[in-house]
C-alpha atoms as a PDB file:
ATOM      1  CA  MET A   1     105.439 180.137  41.417  1.00  0.00           C
ATOM      2  CA  ASP A   2     104.265 180.518  38.003  1.00  0.00           C
ATOM      3  CA  ASP A   3     104.426 176.753  36.005  1.00  0.00           C
ATOM      4  CA  ARG A   4     106.408 178.565  33.398  1.00  0.00           C
ATOM      5  CA  ASP A   5     108.817 179.472  35.974  1.00  0.00           C
ATOM      6  CA  ASP A   6     112.489 177.386  35.353  1.00  0.00           C
ATOM      7  CA  LEU A   7     111.934 176.929  38.971  1.00  0.00           C
ATOM      8  CA  ALA A   8     108.741 175.439  38.958  1.00  0.00           C
ATOM      9  CA  MET A   9     110.134 171.947  36.787  1.00  0.00           C
ATOM     10  CA  PRO A  10     111.160 170.002  40.070  1.00  0.00           C
ATOM     11  CA  PHE A  11     107.970 170.628  41.631  1.00  0.00           C
ATOM     12  CA  LEU A  12     106.073 169.833  38.294  1.00  0.00           C
ATOM     13  CA  LEU A  13     107.746 166.971  37.768  1.00  0.00           C
ATOM     14  CA  MET A  14     107.127 165.506  41.206  1.00  0.00           C
ATOM     15  CA  ALA A  15     103.454 166.852  41.048  1.00  0.00           C
ATOM     16  CA  ALA A  16     103.349 164.897  37.810  1.00  0.00           C
ATOM     17  CA  PHE A  17     105.070 161.890  38.970  1.00  0.00           C
ATOM     18  CA  ARG A  18     102.766 160.817  42.185  1.00  0.00           C
ATOM     19  CA  ASN A  19      99.516 161.665  39.842  1.00  0.00           C
ATOM     20  CA  LEU A  20     100.735 159.396  37.606  1.00  0.00           C
ATOM     21  CA  VAL A  21     101.947 156.642  40.117  1.00  0.00           C
ATOM     22  CA  ASP A  22      99.074 157.017  42.702  1.00  0.00           C
ATOM     23  CA  ALA A  23      96.230 156.773  39.709  1.00  0.00           C
ATOM     24  CA  VAL A  24      97.980 153.244  39.157  1.00  0.00           C
ATOM     25  CA  HIS A  25      98.755 152.195  42.627  1.00  0.00           C
ATOM     26  CA  ALA A  26      94.636 152.703  42.548  1.00  0.00           C
ATOM     27  CA  GLU A  27      94.297 150.566  39.617  1.00  0.00           C
ATOM     28  CA  LEU A  28      96.096 147.894  40.718  1.00  0.00           C
ATOM     29  CA  ALA A  29      94.753 147.956  44.352  1.00  0.00           C
ATOM     30  CA  GLU A  30      91.275 147.409  42.262  1.00  0.00           C
ATOM     31  CA  GLN A  31      92.603 144.402  40.111  1.00  0.00           C
ATOM     32  CA  GLY A  32      93.972 142.849  43.249  1.00  0.00           C
ATOM     33  CA  HIS A  33      97.360 144.274  43.926  1.00  0.00           C
ATOM     34  CA  PRO A  34      96.961 146.411  47.356  1.00  0.00           C
ATOM     35  CA  GLY A  35      99.742 148.134  48.998  1.00  0.00           C
ATOM     36  CA  VAL A  36     101.779 148.359  45.807  1.00  0.00           C
ATOM     37  CA  ARG A  37     104.240 151.304  45.639  1.00  0.00           C
ATOM     38  CA  ALA A  38     106.637 153.182  43.682  1.00  0.00           C
ATOM     39  CA  SER A  39     109.789 151.006  45.033  1.00  0.00           C
ATOM     40  CA  HIS A  40     108.049 148.254  45.182  1.00  0.00           C
ATOM     41  CA  GLY A  41     106.987 148.201  40.885  1.00  0.00           C
ATOM     42  CA  PHE A  42     111.152 149.939  40.375  1.00  0.00           C
ATOM     43  CA  ALA A  43     112.309 146.963  42.454  1.00  0.00           C
ATOM     44  CA  MET A  44     110.415 145.049  40.102  1.00  0.00           C
ATOM     45  CA  GLN A  45     111.519 146.310  37.058  1.00  0.00           C
ATOM     46  CA  ALA A  46     114.884 145.554  38.279  1.00  0.00           C
ATOM     47  CA  ILE A  47     114.512 142.202  39.173  1.00  0.00           C
ATOM     48  CA  GLY A  48     113.751 141.884  35.299  1.00  0.00           C
ATOM     49  CA  GLN A  49     113.487 138.023  34.905  1.00  0.00           C
ATOM     50  CA  GLY A  50     115.701 137.125  37.880  1.00  0.00           C
ATOM     51  CA  CYS A  51     119.037 138.341  39.676  1.00  0.00           C
ATOM     52  CA  THR A  52     120.606 138.122  43.385  1.00  0.00           C
ATOM     53  CA  SER A  53     119.602 140.414  45.884  1.00  0.00           C
ATOM     54  CA  VAL A  54     123.103 141.879  45.746  1.00  0.00           C
ATOM     55  CA  GLU A  55     122.462 142.621  42.106  1.00  0.00           C
ATOM     56  CA  LEU A  56     119.186 144.324  42.574  1.00  0.00           C
ATOM     57  CA  GLY A  57     120.940 145.877  45.863  1.00  0.00           C
ATOM     58  CA  GLU A  58     122.990 146.954  42.515  1.00  0.00           C
ATOM     59  CA  ARG A  59     120.535 147.648  40.219  1.00  0.00           C
ATOM     60  CA  LEU A  60     118.652 150.305  42.222  1.00  0.00           C
ATOM     61  CA  GLY A  61     121.424 151.810  43.869  1.00  0.00           C
ATOM     62  CA  VAL A  62     120.837 150.356  47.422  1.00  0.00           C
ATOM     63  CA  SER A  63     122.567 148.528  50.072  1.00  0.00           C
ATOM     64  CA  LYS A  64     122.291 144.867  50.189  1.00  0.00           C
ATOM     65  CA  GLN A  65     119.715 145.315  53.541  1.00  0.00           C
ATOM     66  CA  ALA A  66     117.063 147.295  52.151  1.00  0.00           C
ATOM     67  CA  ALA A  67     117.770 145.108  48.691  1.00  0.00           C
ATOM     68  CA  ALA A  68     116.860 142.041  50.936  1.00  0.00           C
ATOM     69  CA  LYS A  69     114.015 144.155  52.720  1.00  0.00           C
ATOM     70  CA  THR A  70     112.183 145.072  49.722  1.00  0.00           C
ATOM     71  CA  VAL A  71     112.674 140.918  48.939  1.00  0.00           C
ATOM     72  CA  THR A  72     111.124 140.611  51.632  1.00  0.00           C
ATOM     73  CA  ALA A  73     108.206 142.774  50.968  1.00  0.00           C
ATOM     74  CA  LEU A  74     107.849 141.687  47.673  1.00  0.00           C
ATOM     75  CA  GLU A  75     107.799 137.823  48.588  1.00  0.00           C
ATOM     76  CA  ALA A  76     105.126 138.448  51.169  1.00  0.00           C
ATOM     77  CA  MET A  77     102.835 140.058  48.416  1.00  0.00           C
ATOM     78  CA  GLY A  78     103.621 137.106  46.534  1.00  0.00           C
ATOM     79  CA  LEU A  79     105.111 139.227  43.506  1.00  0.00           C
ATOM     80  CA  VAL A  80     108.673 136.791  43.684  1.00  0.00           C
ATOM     81  CA  ARG A  81     110.248 133.950  44.788  1.00  0.00           C
ATOM     82  CA  ARG A  82     113.525 132.523  45.740  1.00  0.00           C
ATOM     83  CA  ASP A  83     115.048 130.417  43.798  1.00  0.00           C
ATOM     84  CA  PRO A  84     118.261 128.398  44.403  1.00  0.00           C
ATOM     85  CA  ASP A  85     121.177 130.122  41.741  1.00  0.00           C
ATOM     86  CA  GLU A  86     122.909 127.351  39.559  1.00  0.00           C
ATOM     87  CA  ARG A  87     126.268 130.094  39.707  1.00  0.00           C
ATOM     88  CA  ASP A  88     126.719 129.710  43.132  1.00  0.00           C
ATOM     89  CA  GLY A  89     124.866 127.863  45.422  1.00  0.00           C
ATOM     90  CA  ARG A  90     125.432 129.804  48.698  1.00  0.00           C
ATOM     91  CA  GLN A  91     122.616 132.223  46.729  1.00  0.00           C
ATOM     92  CA  LYS A  92     119.546 132.226  45.818  1.00  0.00           C
ATOM     93  CA  LEU A  93     117.923 133.970  42.812  1.00  0.00           C
ATOM     94  CA  VAL A  94     115.331 136.473  42.662  1.00  0.00           C
ATOM     95  CA  VAL A  95     112.362 135.902  40.344  1.00  0.00           C
ATOM     96  CA  PRO A  96     109.324 136.974  39.662  1.00  0.00           C
ATOM     97  CA  THR A  97     106.059 134.798  40.341  1.00  0.00           C
ATOM     98  CA  PRO A  98     103.263 134.454  37.567  1.00  0.00           C
ATOM     99  CA  ALA A  99     101.458 137.322  39.721  1.00  0.00           C
ATOM    100  CA  GLY A 100     104.290 139.197  39.850  1.00  0.00           C
ATOM    101  CA  ARG A 101     104.407 139.135  35.804  1.00  0.00           C
ATOM    102  CA  ARG A 102     101.084 139.911  35.997  1.00  0.00           C
ATOM    103  CA  MET A 103     101.103 143.058  37.981  1.00  0.00           C
ATOM    104  CA  LEU A 104     103.691 144.275  36.257  1.00  0.00           C
ATOM    105  CA  GLY A 105     101.675 143.628  33.071  1.00  0.00           C
ATOM    106  CA  LEU A 106      98.572 145.243  34.324  1.00  0.00           C
ATOM    107  CA  SER A 107     100.674 148.156  35.937  1.00  0.00           C
ATOM    108  CA  ALA A 108     101.972 148.951  32.649  1.00  0.00           C
ATOM    109  CA  GLN A 109      97.824 148.804  31.180  1.00  0.00           C
ATOM    110  CA  ALA A 110      97.812 151.460  33.982  1.00  0.00           C
ATOM    111  CA  PHE A 111     100.138 153.317  32.528  1.00  0.00           C
ATOM    112  CA  ARG A 112      99.644 153.074  29.188  1.00  0.00           C
ATOM    113  CA  ALA A 113      95.775 154.168  30.009  1.00  0.00           C
ATOM    114  CA  GLN A 114      97.101 157.124  32.268  1.00  0.00           C
ATOM    115  CA  LEU A 115      99.443 158.494  29.535  1.00  0.00           C
ATOM    116  CA  ALA A 116      96.340 157.871  26.455  1.00  0.00           C
ATOM    117  CA  GLY A 117      94.588 160.526  29.381  1.00  0.00           C
ATOM    118  CA  TRP A 118      97.253 163.027  29.113  1.00  0.00           C
ATOM    119  CA  ARG A 119      97.535 162.804  25.704  1.00  0.00           C
ATOM    120  CA  GLN A 120      93.528 163.708  25.043  1.00  0.00           C
ATOM    121  CA  GLN A 121      94.303 166.487  27.582  1.00  0.00           C
ATOM    122  CA  VAL A 122      97.056 167.671  25.821  1.00  0.00           C
ATOM    123  CA  GLY A 123      98.091 166.166  22.543  1.00  0.00           C
ATOM    124  CA  ASP A 124      99.861 163.622  21.312  1.00  0.00           C
ATOM    125  CA  ASP A 125     102.330 166.100  20.609  1.00  0.00           C
ATOM    126  CA  ARG A 126     103.392 167.504  23.755  1.00  0.00           C
ATOM    127  CA  VAL A 127     103.064 163.995  25.530  1.00  0.00           C
ATOM    128  CA  ASP A 128     105.667 163.040  22.861  1.00  0.00           C
ATOM    129  CA  ALA A 129     107.843 166.721  22.811  1.00  0.00           C
ATOM    130  CA  THR A 130     108.267 165.917  26.894  1.00  0.00           C
ATOM    131  CA  LEU A 131     108.613 161.947  26.550  1.00  0.00           C
ATOM    132  CA  ALA A 132     112.093 163.204  23.945  1.00  0.00           C
ATOM    133  CA  THR A 133     113.218 165.620  26.419  1.00  0.00           C
ATOM    134  CA  LEU A 134     112.645 163.457  29.324  1.00  0.00           C
ATOM    135  CA  ALA A 135     114.977 160.726  27.969  1.00  0.00           C
ATOM    136  CA  ALA A 136     117.791 163.463  26.829  1.00  0.00           C
ATOM    137  CA  VAL A 137     118.105 165.201  30.327  1.00  0.00           C
ATOM    138  CA  ALA A 138     117.913 161.733  32.225  1.00  0.00           C
ATOM    139  CA  SER A 139     120.414 159.828  29.607  1.00  0.00           C
ATOM    140  CA  GLY A 140     124.095 159.525  31.442  1.00  0.00           C
ATOM    141  CA  GLY A 141     123.161 160.231  34.678  1.00  0.00           C
ATOM    142  CA  ARG A 142     121.820 157.387  37.326  1.00  0.00           C
ATOM    143  CA  SER A 143     120.192 153.855  35.950  1.00  0.00           C
ATOM    144  CA  ARG A 144     116.419 154.001  35.588  1.00  0.00           C
ATOM    145  CA  THR A 145     115.636 152.072  38.557  1.00  0.00           C
ATOM    146  CA  ASP A 146     118.490 153.628  41.172  1.00  0.00           C
ATOM    147  CA  LEU A 147     116.719 154.383  44.844  1.00  0.00           C
ATOM    148  CA  SER A 148     119.650 155.076  46.351  1.00  0.00           C
ATOM    149  CA  ASP A 149     118.157 158.277  48.136  1.00  0.00           C
ATOM    150  CA  TRP A 150     114.332 157.594  47.704  1.00  0.00           C
ATOM    151  CA  ALA A 151     112.748 158.816  50.532  1.00  0.00           C
END
């Protein structure tokens, strides 16, 4: 398939995403965070400063059970902890640990380094145009962290 064919778009986006994420995960593993996957990063972004598992499920577009399973995995990696929720004593608030915040910082650095490589390869104008295009076509759809049909 010709890379300039419109039908190539989803495959090119997927390949670029995978290459980008794989490079970031390799860097995270080198920095002491092996086993972090894309879904973990999306979940950490959705958790933000803290939320309940139910809120996390809503933010990710997944079931409460899937959100709870993700929280358990993140907790086992030391990236989040569960604190009492002052709003409702029956619930726990999921909050990033210092290790979780450090992992997010390392992840941001690794993404920026990868995009710097893209900028060197194809130029700032093309990367800026790609970002602007993606921002325009992504607006109005799902939230940035909706993983409802993530496989």
